[in-house]
Amino acid sequence: SMAFMRIMIPAINPAERAALLGAMKKDAPPEVFQ
């Protein structure tokens, strides 16, 4: 899962990054998000 995040994050635009990680910040355990 982390490996896929490493290739996706630099490839998507700022709005997409904010949406993807904003949802993760809301739903994932804090230590996983960090």
Full PDB file with SEQRES, HELIX, SHEET, SSBOND, CRYST1, ORIGX, SCALE, CONECT and MASTER records, all heavy atoms in Angstrom:
SEQRES   1 A   34  SER MET ALA PHE MET ARG ILE MET ILE PRO ALA ILE ASN          
SEQRES   2 A   34  PRO ALA GLU ARG ALA ALA LEU LEU GLY ALA MET LYS LYS          
SEQRES   3 A   34  ASP ALA PRO PRO GLU VAL PHE GLN                              
HELIX    1 AA1 MET A    2  MET A    8  1                                   7    
HELIX    2 AA2 ILE A    9  ALA A   11  5                                   3    
HELIX    3 AA3 PRO A   14  ASP A   27  1                                  14    
HELIX    4 AA4 PRO A   30  PHE A   33  1                                   4    
CRYST1    1.000    1.000    1.000  90.00  90.00  90.00 P 1           1          
ORIGX1      1.000000  0.000000  0.000000        0.00000                         
ORIGX2      0.000000  1.000000  0.000000        0.00000                         
ORIGX3      0.000000  0.000000  1.000000        0.00000                         
SCALE1      1.000000  0.000000  0.000000        0.00000                         
SCALE2      0.000000  1.000000  0.000000        0.00000                         
SCALE3      0.000000  0.000000  1.000000        0.00000                         
ATOM      1  N   SER A   1       0.840  -1.199   0.000  1.00  0.00           N  
ATOM      2  CA  SER A   1       0.000   0.000   0.000  1.00  0.00           C  
ATOM      3  C   SER A   1       0.877   1.251   0.000  1.00  0.00           C  
ATOM      4  O   SER A   1       0.614   2.213  -0.738  1.00  0.00           O  
ATOM      5  CB  SER A   1      -0.916  -0.011   1.226  1.00  0.00           C  
ATOM      6  OG  SER A   1      -1.754   1.112   1.236  1.00  0.00           O  
ATOM      7  N   MET A   2       1.939   1.247   0.800  1.00  0.00           N  
ATOM      8  CA  MET A   2       2.856   2.379   0.848  1.00  0.00           C  
ATOM      9  C   MET A   2       3.569   2.553  -0.490  1.00  0.00           C  
ATOM     10  O   MET A   2       3.779   3.683  -0.960  1.00  0.00           O  
ATOM     11  CB  MET A   2       3.874   2.181   1.970  1.00  0.00           C  
ATOM     12  CG  MET A   2       4.705   3.416   2.280  1.00  0.00           C  
ATOM     13  SD  MET A   2       3.775   4.709   3.137  1.00  0.00           S  
ATOM     14  CE  MET A   2       3.700   4.029   4.800  1.00  0.00           C  
ATOM     15  N   ALA A   3       3.920   1.453  -1.133  1.00  0.00           N  
ATOM     16  CA  ALA A   3       4.606   1.524  -2.427  1.00  0.00           C  
ATOM     17  C   ALA A   3       3.715   2.162  -3.482  1.00  0.00           C  
ATOM     18  O   ALA A   3       4.183   2.963  -4.308  1.00  0.00           O  
ATOM     19  CB  ALA A   3       5.041   0.127  -2.860  1.00  0.00           C  
ATOM     20  N   PHE A   4       2.442   1.823  -3.480  1.00  0.00           N  
ATOM     21  CA  PHE A   4       1.522   2.450  -4.431  1.00  0.00           C  
ATOM     22  C   PHE A   4       1.369   3.940  -4.125  1.00  0.00           C  
ATOM     23  O   PHE A   4       1.316   4.768  -5.042  1.00  0.00           O  
ATOM     24  CB  PHE A   4       0.157   1.759  -4.410  1.00  0.00           C  
ATOM     25  CG  PHE A   4       0.066   0.565  -5.321  1.00  0.00           C  
ATOM     26  CD1 PHE A   4       0.040  -0.718  -4.803  1.00  0.00           C  
ATOM     27  CD2 PHE A   4       0.019   0.728  -6.693  1.00  0.00           C  
ATOM     28  CE1 PHE A   4      -0.033  -1.826  -5.645  1.00  0.00           C  
ATOM     29  CE2 PHE A   4      -0.060  -0.366  -7.544  1.00  0.00           C  
ATOM     30  CZ  PHE A   4      -0.082  -1.647  -7.023  1.00  0.00           C  
ATOM     31  N   MET A   5       1.317   4.309  -2.857  1.00  0.00           N  
ATOM     32  CA  MET A   5       1.223   5.720  -2.510  1.00  0.00           C  
ATOM     33  C   MET A   5       2.441   6.482  -3.011  1.00  0.00           C  
ATOM     34  O   MET A   5       2.329   7.623  -3.485  1.00  0.00           O  
ATOM     35  CB  MET A   5       1.083   5.886  -0.995  1.00  0.00           C  
ATOM     36  CG  MET A   5      -0.233   5.409  -0.420  1.00  0.00           C  
ATOM     37  SD  MET A   5      -1.653   6.347  -1.025  1.00  0.00           S  
ATOM     38  CE  MET A   5      -1.386   7.929  -0.230  1.00  0.00           C  
ATOM     39  N   ARG A   6       3.616   5.858  -2.947  1.00  0.00           N  
ATOM     40  CA  ARG A   6       4.841   6.544  -3.375  1.00  0.00           C  
ATOM     41  C   ARG A   6       4.823   6.884  -4.858  1.00  0.00           C  
ATOM     42  O   ARG A   6       5.415   7.886  -5.274  1.00  0.00           O  
ATOM     43  CB  ARG A   6       6.071   5.684  -3.058  1.00  0.00           C  
ATOM     44  CG  ARG A   6       6.430   5.608  -1.595  1.00  0.00           C  
ATOM     45  CD  ARG A   6       7.804   4.981  -1.379  1.00  0.00           C  
ATOM     46  NE  ARG A   6       8.051   4.747   0.036  1.00  0.00           N  
ATOM     47  CZ  ARG A   6       7.961   3.552   0.626  1.00  0.00           C  
ATOM     48  NH1 ARG A   6       7.660   2.482  -0.090  1.00  0.00           N  
ATOM     49  NH2 ARG A   6       8.184   3.429   1.910  1.00  0.00           N  
ATOM     50  N   ILE A   7       4.185   6.036  -5.677  1.00  0.00           N  
ATOM     51  CA  ILE A   7       4.149   6.362  -7.106  1.00  0.00           C  
ATOM     52  C   ILE A   7       2.954   7.256  -7.452  1.00  0.00           C  
ATOM     53  O   ILE A   7       3.014   8.014  -8.430  1.00  0.00           O  
ATOM     54  CB  ILE A   7       4.161   5.107  -8.005  1.00  0.00           C  
ATOM     55  CG1 ILE A   7       2.877   4.285  -7.866  1.00  0.00           C  
ATOM     56  CG2 ILE A   7       5.408   4.266  -7.749  1.00  0.00           C  
ATOM     57  CD1 ILE A   7       2.746   3.197  -8.919  1.00  0.00           C  
ATOM     58  N   MET A   8       1.887   7.209  -6.657  1.00  0.00           N  
ATOM     59  CA  MET A   8       0.700   7.998  -6.983  1.00  0.00           C  
ATOM     60  C   MET A   8       0.844   9.461  -6.583  1.00  0.00           C  
ATOM     61  O   MET A   8       0.472  10.361  -7.354  1.00  0.00           O  
ATOM     62  CB  MET A   8      -0.543   7.397  -6.306  1.00  0.00           C  
ATOM     63  CG  MET A   8      -1.000   6.088  -6.900  1.00  0.00           C  
ATOM     64  SD  MET A   8      -2.657   5.582  -6.315  1.00  0.00           S  
ATOM     65  CE  MET A   8      -2.367   5.403  -4.550  1.00  0.00           C  
ATOM     66  N   ILE A   9       1.375   9.711  -5.389  1.00  0.00           N  
ATOM     67  CA  ILE A   9       1.378  11.075  -4.839  1.00  0.00           C  
ATOM     68  C   ILE A   9       2.083  12.080  -5.757  1.00  0.00           C  
ATOM     69  O   ILE A   9       1.541  13.164  -6.030  1.00  0.00           O  
ATOM     70  CB  ILE A   9       1.981  11.088  -3.423  1.00  0.00           C  
ATOM     71  CG1 ILE A   9       1.050  10.359  -2.443  1.00  0.00           C  
ATOM     72  CG2 ILE A   9       2.251  12.517  -2.956  1.00  0.00           C  
ATOM     73  CD1 ILE A   9      -0.350  10.949  -2.351  1.00  0.00           C  
ATOM     74  N   PRO A  10       3.286  11.782  -6.278  1.00  0.00           N  
ATOM     75  CA  PRO A  10       3.916  12.778  -7.149  1.00  0.00           C  
ATOM     76  C   PRO A  10       3.290  12.861  -8.536  1.00  0.00           C  
ATOM     77  O   PRO A  10       3.592  13.779  -9.294  1.00  0.00           O  
ATOM     78  CB  PRO A  10       5.369  12.294  -7.244  1.00  0.00           C  
ATOM     79  CG  PRO A  10       5.285  10.825  -7.023  1.00  0.00           C  
ATOM     80  CD  PRO A  10       4.170  10.626  -6.033  1.00  0.00           C  
ATOM     81  N   ALA A  11       2.402  11.915  -8.869  1.00  0.00           N  
ATOM     82  CA  ALA A  11       1.835  11.866 -10.221  1.00  0.00           C  
ATOM     83  C   ALA A  11       0.486  12.552 -10.332  1.00  0.00           C  
ATOM     84  O   ALA A  11       0.015  12.802 -11.445  1.00  0.00           O  
ATOM     85  CB  ALA A  11       1.698  10.403 -10.668  1.00  0.00           C  
ATOM     86  N   ILE A  12      -0.164  12.856  -9.203  1.00  0.00           N  
ATOM     87  CA  ILE A  12      -1.476  13.474  -9.256  1.00  0.00           C  
ATOM     88  C   ILE A  12      -1.367  14.973  -8.953  1.00  0.00           C  
ATOM     89  O   ILE A  12      -0.356  15.441  -8.432  1.00  0.00           O  
ATOM     90  CB  ILE A  12      -2.467  12.789  -8.291  1.00  0.00           C  
ATOM     91  CG1 ILE A  12      -1.957  12.804  -6.850  1.00  0.00           C  
ATOM     92  CG2 ILE A  12      -2.707  11.347  -8.731  1.00  0.00           C  
ATOM     93  CD1 ILE A  12      -2.891  12.126  -5.840  1.00  0.00           C  
ATOM     94  N   ASN A  13      -2.400  15.710  -9.323  1.00  0.00           N  
ATOM     95  CA  ASN A  13      -2.320  17.164  -9.183  1.00  0.00           C  
ATOM     96  C   ASN A  13      -2.638  17.601  -7.751  1.00  0.00           C  
ATOM     97  O   ASN A  13      -3.087  16.796  -6.929  1.00  0.00           O  
ATOM     98  CB  ASN A  13      -3.213  17.854 -10.224  1.00  0.00           C  
ATOM     99  CG  ASN A  13      -4.696  17.575 -10.005  1.00  0.00           C  
ATOM    100  OD1 ASN A  13      -5.205  17.647  -8.887  1.00  0.00           O  
ATOM    101  ND2 ASN A  13      -5.399  17.262 -11.093  1.00  0.00           N  
ATOM    102  N   PRO A  14      -2.383  18.874  -7.418  1.00  0.00           N  
ATOM    103  CA  PRO A  14      -2.553  19.313  -6.028  1.00  0.00           C  
ATOM    104  C   PRO A  14      -3.952  19.071  -5.461  1.00  0.00           C  
ATOM    105  O   PRO A  14      -4.086  18.659  -4.303  1.00  0.00           O  
ATOM    106  CB  PRO A  14      -2.225  20.808  -6.095  1.00  0.00           C  
ATOM    107  CG  PRO A  14      -1.247  20.916  -7.229  1.00  0.00           C  
ATOM    108  CD  PRO A  14      -1.734  19.909  -8.246  1.00  0.00           C  
ATOM    109  N   ALA A  15      -4.991  19.312  -6.252  1.00  0.00           N  
ATOM    110  CA  ALA A  15      -6.352  19.099  -5.762  1.00  0.00           C  
ATOM    111  C   ALA A  15      -6.608  17.626  -5.486  1.00  0.00           C  
ATOM    112  O   ALA A  15      -7.258  17.268  -4.483  1.00  0.00           O  
ATOM    113  CB  ALA A  15      -7.364  19.639  -6.769  1.00  0.00           C  
ATOM    114  N   GLU A  16      -6.086  16.759  -6.364  1.00  0.00           N  
ATOM    115  CA  GLU A  16      -6.261  15.317  -6.168  1.00  0.00           C  
ATOM    116  C   GLU A  16      -5.495  14.838  -4.938  1.00  0.00           C  
ATOM    117  O   GLU A  16      -5.986  13.999  -4.182  1.00  0.00           O  
ATOM    118  CB  GLU A  16      -5.796  14.559  -7.418  1.00  0.00           C  
ATOM    119  CG  GLU A  16      -6.695  14.769  -8.621  1.00  0.00           C  
ATOM    120  CD  GLU A  16      -6.079  14.313  -9.930  1.00  0.00           C  
ATOM    121  OE1 GLU A  16      -4.832  14.209 -10.019  1.00  0.00           O  
ATOM    122  OE2 GLU A  16      -6.848  14.073 -10.878  1.00  0.00           O  
ATOM    123  N   ARG A  17      -4.298  15.371  -4.729  1.00  0.00           N  
ATOM    124  CA  ARG A  17      -3.528  15.018  -3.529  1.00  0.00           C  
ATOM    125  C   ARG A  17      -4.291  15.405  -2.266  1.00  0.00           C  
ATOM    126  O   ARG A  17      -4.393  14.637  -1.310  1.00  0.00           O  
ATOM    127  CB  ARG A  17      -2.182  15.746  -3.523  1.00  0.00           C  
ATOM    128  CG  ARG A  17      -1.112  15.122  -4.365  1.00  0.00           C  
ATOM    129  CD  ARG A  17       0.204  15.874  -4.202  1.00  0.00           C  
ATOM    130  NE  ARG A  17       0.946  15.773  -5.438  1.00  0.00           N  
ATOM    131  CZ  ARG A  17       1.441  16.791  -6.123  1.00  0.00           C  
ATOM    132  NH1 ARG A  17       1.298  18.029  -5.677  1.00  0.00           N  
ATOM    133  NH2 ARG A  17       2.091  16.588  -7.238  1.00  0.00           N  
ATOM    134  N   ALA A  18      -4.806  16.628  -2.270  1.00  0.00           N  
ATOM    135  CA  ALA A  18      -5.509  17.113  -1.082  1.00  0.00           C  
ATOM    136  C   ALA A  18      -6.751  16.275  -0.806  1.00  0.00           C  
ATOM    137  O   ALA A  18      -7.058  15.969   0.357  1.00  0.00           O  
ATOM    138  CB  ALA A  18      -5.880  18.585  -1.266  1.00  0.00           C  
ATOM    139  N   ALA A  19      -7.474  15.887  -1.872  1.00  0.00           N  
ATOM    140  CA  ALA A  19      -8.680  15.079  -1.688  1.00  0.00           C  
ATOM    141  C   ALA A  19      -8.338  13.686  -1.176  1.00  0.00           C  
ATOM    142  O   ALA A  19      -8.961  13.175  -0.231  1.00  0.00           O  
ATOM    143  CB  ALA A  19      -9.452  14.990  -3.001  1.00  0.00           C  
ATOM    144  N   LEU A  20      -7.331  13.052  -1.797  1.00  0.00           N  
ATOM    145  CA  LEU A  20      -6.939  11.699  -1.402  1.00  0.00           C  
ATOM    146  C   LEU A  20      -6.440  11.656   0.033  1.00  0.00           C  
ATOM    147  O   LEU A  20      -6.885  10.839   0.854  1.00  0.00           O  
ATOM    148  CB  LEU A  20      -5.862  11.177  -2.355  1.00  0.00           C  
ATOM    149  CG  LEU A  20      -5.237   9.824  -2.028  1.00  0.00           C  
ATOM    150  CD1 LEU A  20      -6.284   8.720  -2.139  1.00  0.00           C  
ATOM    151  CD2 LEU A  20      -4.066   9.531  -2.969  1.00  0.00           C  
ATOM    152  N   LEU A  21      -5.535  12.569   0.359  1.00  0.00           N  
ATOM    153  CA  LEU A  21      -4.939  12.542   1.686  1.00  0.00           C  
ATOM    154  C   LEU A  21      -5.866  13.152   2.731  1.00  0.00           C  
ATOM    155  O   LEU A  21      -5.797  12.781   3.909  1.00  0.00           O  
ATOM    156  CB  LEU A  21      -3.594  13.254   1.658  1.00  0.00           C  
ATOM    157  CG  LEU A  21      -2.536  12.498   0.839  1.00  0.00           C  
ATOM    158  CD1 LEU A  21      -1.345  13.388   0.524  1.00  0.00           C  
ATOM    159  CD2 LEU A  21      -2.081  11.241   1.563  1.00  0.00           C  
ATOM    160  N   GLY A  22      -6.747  14.044   2.303  1.00  0.00           N  
ATOM    161  CA  GLY A  22      -7.729  14.578   3.235  1.00  0.00           C  
ATOM    162  C   GLY A  22      -8.680  13.486   3.712  1.00  0.00           C  
ATOM    163  O   GLY A  22      -9.015  13.416   4.905  1.00  0.00           O  
ATOM    164  N   ALA A  23      -9.090  12.620   2.783  1.00  0.00           N  
ATOM    165  CA  ALA A  23      -9.950  11.494   3.165  1.00  0.00           C  
ATOM    166  C   ALA A  23      -9.208  10.526   4.073  1.00  0.00           C  
ATOM    167  O   ALA A  23      -9.776  10.000   5.045  1.00  0.00           O  
ATOM    168  CB  ALA A  23     -10.446  10.778   1.905  1.00  0.00           C  
ATOM    169  N   MET A  24      -7.915  10.323   3.785  1.00  0.00           N  
ATOM    170  CA  MET A  24      -7.122   9.425   4.626  1.00  0.00           C  
ATOM    171  C   MET A  24      -6.934  10.015   6.021  1.00  0.00           C  
ATOM    172  O   MET A  24      -7.021   9.302   7.026  1.00  0.00           O  
ATOM    173  CB  MET A  24      -5.763   9.158   3.967  1.00  0.00           C  
ATOM    174  CG  MET A  24      -4.884   8.227   4.761  1.00  0.00           C  
ATOM    175  SD  MET A  24      -3.328   7.855   3.924  1.00  0.00           S  
ATOM    176  CE  MET A  24      -3.926   6.861   2.562  1.00  0.00           C  
ATOM    177  N   LYS A  25      -6.694  11.307   6.087  1.00  0.00           N  
ATOM    178  CA  LYS A  25      -6.538  11.961   7.394  1.00  0.00           C  
ATOM    179  C   LYS A  25      -7.792  11.807   8.228  1.00  0.00           C  
ATOM    180  O   LYS A  25      -7.738  11.613   9.454  1.00  0.00           O  
ATOM    181  CB  LYS A  25      -6.205  13.446   7.185  1.00  0.00           C  
ATOM    182  CG  LYS A  25      -5.959  14.211   8.478  1.00  0.00           C  
ATOM    183  CD  LYS A  25      -5.705  15.691   8.198  1.00  0.00           C  
ATOM    184  CE  LYS A  25      -5.456  16.443   9.499  1.00  0.00           C  
ATOM    185  NZ  LYS A  25      -5.317  17.908   9.269  1.00  0.00           N  
ATOM    186  N   LYS A  26      -8.951  11.865   7.565  1.00  0.00           N  
ATOM    187  CA  LYS A  26     -10.230  11.770   8.259  1.00  0.00           C  
ATOM    188  C   LYS A  26     -10.534  10.351   8.734  1.00  0.00           C  
ATOM    189  O   LYS A  26     -11.058  10.144   9.827  1.00  0.00           O  
ATOM    190  CB  LYS A  26     -11.342  12.255   7.327  1.00  0.00           C  
ATOM    191  CG  LYS A  26     -12.757  12.147   7.859  1.00  0.00           C  
ATOM    192  CD  LYS A  26     -13.719  12.755   6.871  1.00  0.00           C  
ATOM    193  CE  LYS A  26     -15.168  12.613   7.335  1.00  0.00           C  
ATOM    194  NZ  LYS A  26     -15.632  11.204   7.236  1.00  0.00           N  
ATOM    195  N   ASP A  27     -10.160   9.353   7.912  1.00  0.00           N  
ATOM    196  CA  ASP A  27     -10.633   7.990   8.156  1.00  0.00           C  
ATOM    197  C   ASP A  27      -9.582   7.034   8.719  1.00  0.00           C  
ATOM    198  O   ASP A  27      -9.928   6.056   9.375  1.00  0.00           O  
ATOM    199  CB  ASP A  27     -11.195   7.392   6.856  1.00  0.00           C  
ATOM    200  CG  ASP A  27     -12.403   8.163   6.354  1.00  0.00           C  
ATOM    201  OD1 ASP A  27     -13.124   8.733   7.191  1.00  0.00           O  
ATOM    202  OD2 ASP A  27     -12.614   8.214   5.126  1.00  0.00           O  
ATOM    203  N   ALA A  28      -8.297   7.284   8.424  1.00  0.00           N  
ATOM    204  CA  ALA A  28      -7.256   6.333   8.833  1.00  0.00           C  
ATOM    205  C   ALA A  28      -6.798   6.628  10.262  1.00  0.00           C  
ATOM    206  O   ALA A  28      -6.899   7.759  10.744  1.00  0.00           O  
ATOM    207  CB  ALA A  28      -6.071   6.409   7.875  1.00  0.00           C  
ATOM    208  N   PRO A  29      -6.260   5.609  10.955  1.00  0.00           N  
ATOM    209  CA  PRO A  29      -5.648   5.866  12.268  1.00  0.00           C  
ATOM    210  C   PRO A  29      -4.548   6.913  12.133  1.00  0.00           C  
ATOM    211  O   PRO A  29      -3.817   6.925  11.128  1.00  0.00           O  
ATOM    212  CB  PRO A  29      -5.077   4.498  12.655  1.00  0.00           C  
ATOM    213  CG  PRO A  29      -5.891   3.504  11.888  1.00  0.00           C  
ATOM    214  CD  PRO A  29      -6.221   4.181  10.590  1.00  0.00           C  
ATOM    215  N   PRO A  30      -4.402   7.815  13.104  1.00  0.00           N  
ATOM    216  CA  PRO A  30      -3.413   8.896  12.995  1.00  0.00           C  
ATOM    217  C   PRO A  30      -2.001   8.413  12.704  1.00  0.00           C  
ATOM    218  O   PRO A  30      -1.270   9.041  11.932  1.00  0.00           O  
ATOM    219  CB  PRO A  30      -3.500   9.589  14.361  1.00  0.00           C  
ATOM    220  CG  PRO A  30      -4.874   9.287  14.849  1.00  0.00           C  
ATOM    221  CD  PRO A  30      -5.203   7.914  14.345  1.00  0.00           C  
ATOM    222  N   GLU A  31      -1.603   7.282  13.315  1.00  0.00           N  
ATOM    223  CA  GLU A  31      -0.235   6.798  13.093  1.00  0.00           C  
ATOM    224  C   GLU A  31      -0.038   6.290  11.672  1.00  0.00           C  
ATOM    225  O   GLU A  31       1.064   6.417  11.101  1.00  0.00           O  
ATOM    226  CB  GLU A  31       0.117   5.714  14.115  1.00  0.00           C  
ATOM    227  CG  GLU A  31      -0.701   4.426  14.027  1.00  0.00           C  
ATOM    228  CD  GLU A  31      -2.008   4.475  14.784  1.00  0.00           C  
ATOM    229  OE1 GLU A  31      -2.418   5.584  15.210  1.00  0.00           O  
ATOM    230  OE2 GLU A  31      -2.624   3.404  14.959  1.00  0.00           O  
ATOM    231  N   VAL A  32      -1.091   5.749  11.073  1.00  0.00           N  
ATOM    232  CA  VAL A  32      -1.003   5.292   9.683  1.00  0.00           C  
ATOM    233  C   VAL A  32      -0.896   6.494   8.752  1.00  0.00           C  
ATOM    234  O   VAL A  32      -0.061   6.530   7.836  1.00  0.00           O  
ATOM    235  CB  VAL A  32      -2.224   4.420   9.319  1.00  0.00           C  
ATOM    236  CG1 VAL A  32      -2.245   4.115   7.819  1.00  0.00           C  
ATOM    237  CG2 VAL A  32      -2.211   3.132  10.129  1.00  0.00           C  
ATOM    238  N   PHE A  33      -1.737   7.494   8.976  1.00  0.00           N  
ATOM    239  CA  PHE A  33      -1.686   8.709   8.162  1.00  0.00           C  
ATOM    240  C   PHE A  33      -0.318   9.374   8.269  1.00  0.00           C  
ATOM    241  O   PHE A  33       0.264   9.783   7.260  1.00  0.00           O  
ATOM    242  CB  PHE A  33      -2.784   9.674   8.598  1.00  0.00           C  
ATOM    243  CG  PHE A  33      -2.743  10.987   7.873  1.00  0.00           C  
ATOM    244  CD1 PHE A  33      -3.139  11.078   6.551  1.00  0.00           C  
ATOM    245  CD2 PHE A  33      -2.293  12.133   8.514  1.00  0.00           C  
ATOM    246  CE1 PHE A  33      -3.091  12.296   5.870  1.00  0.00           C  
ATOM    247  CE2 PHE A  33      -2.232  13.351   7.853  1.00  0.00           C  
ATOM    248  CZ  PHE A  33      -2.636  13.436   6.523  1.00  0.00           C  
ATOM    249  N   GLN A  34       0.230   9.466   9.478  1.00  0.00           N  
ATOM    250  CA  GLN A  34       1.524  10.116   9.647  1.00  0.00           C  
ATOM    251  C   GLN A  34       2.628   9.337   8.952  1.00  0.00           C  
ATOM    252  O   GLN A  34       3.563   9.928   8.379  1.00  0.00           O  
ATOM    253  CB  GLN A  34       1.848  10.275  11.129  1.00  0.00           C  
ATOM    254  CG  GLN A  34       3.048  11.178  11.387  1.00  0.00           C  
ATOM    255  CD  GLN A  34       2.851  12.583  10.854  1.00  0.00           C  
ATOM    256  OE1 GLN A  34       1.821  13.206  11.089  1.00  0.00           O  
ATOM    257  NE2 GLN A  34       3.836  13.082  10.098  1.00  0.00           N  
TER     258      GLN A  34                                                      
MASTER        0    0    0    4    0    0    0    6  257    1    0    3          
END                                                                             
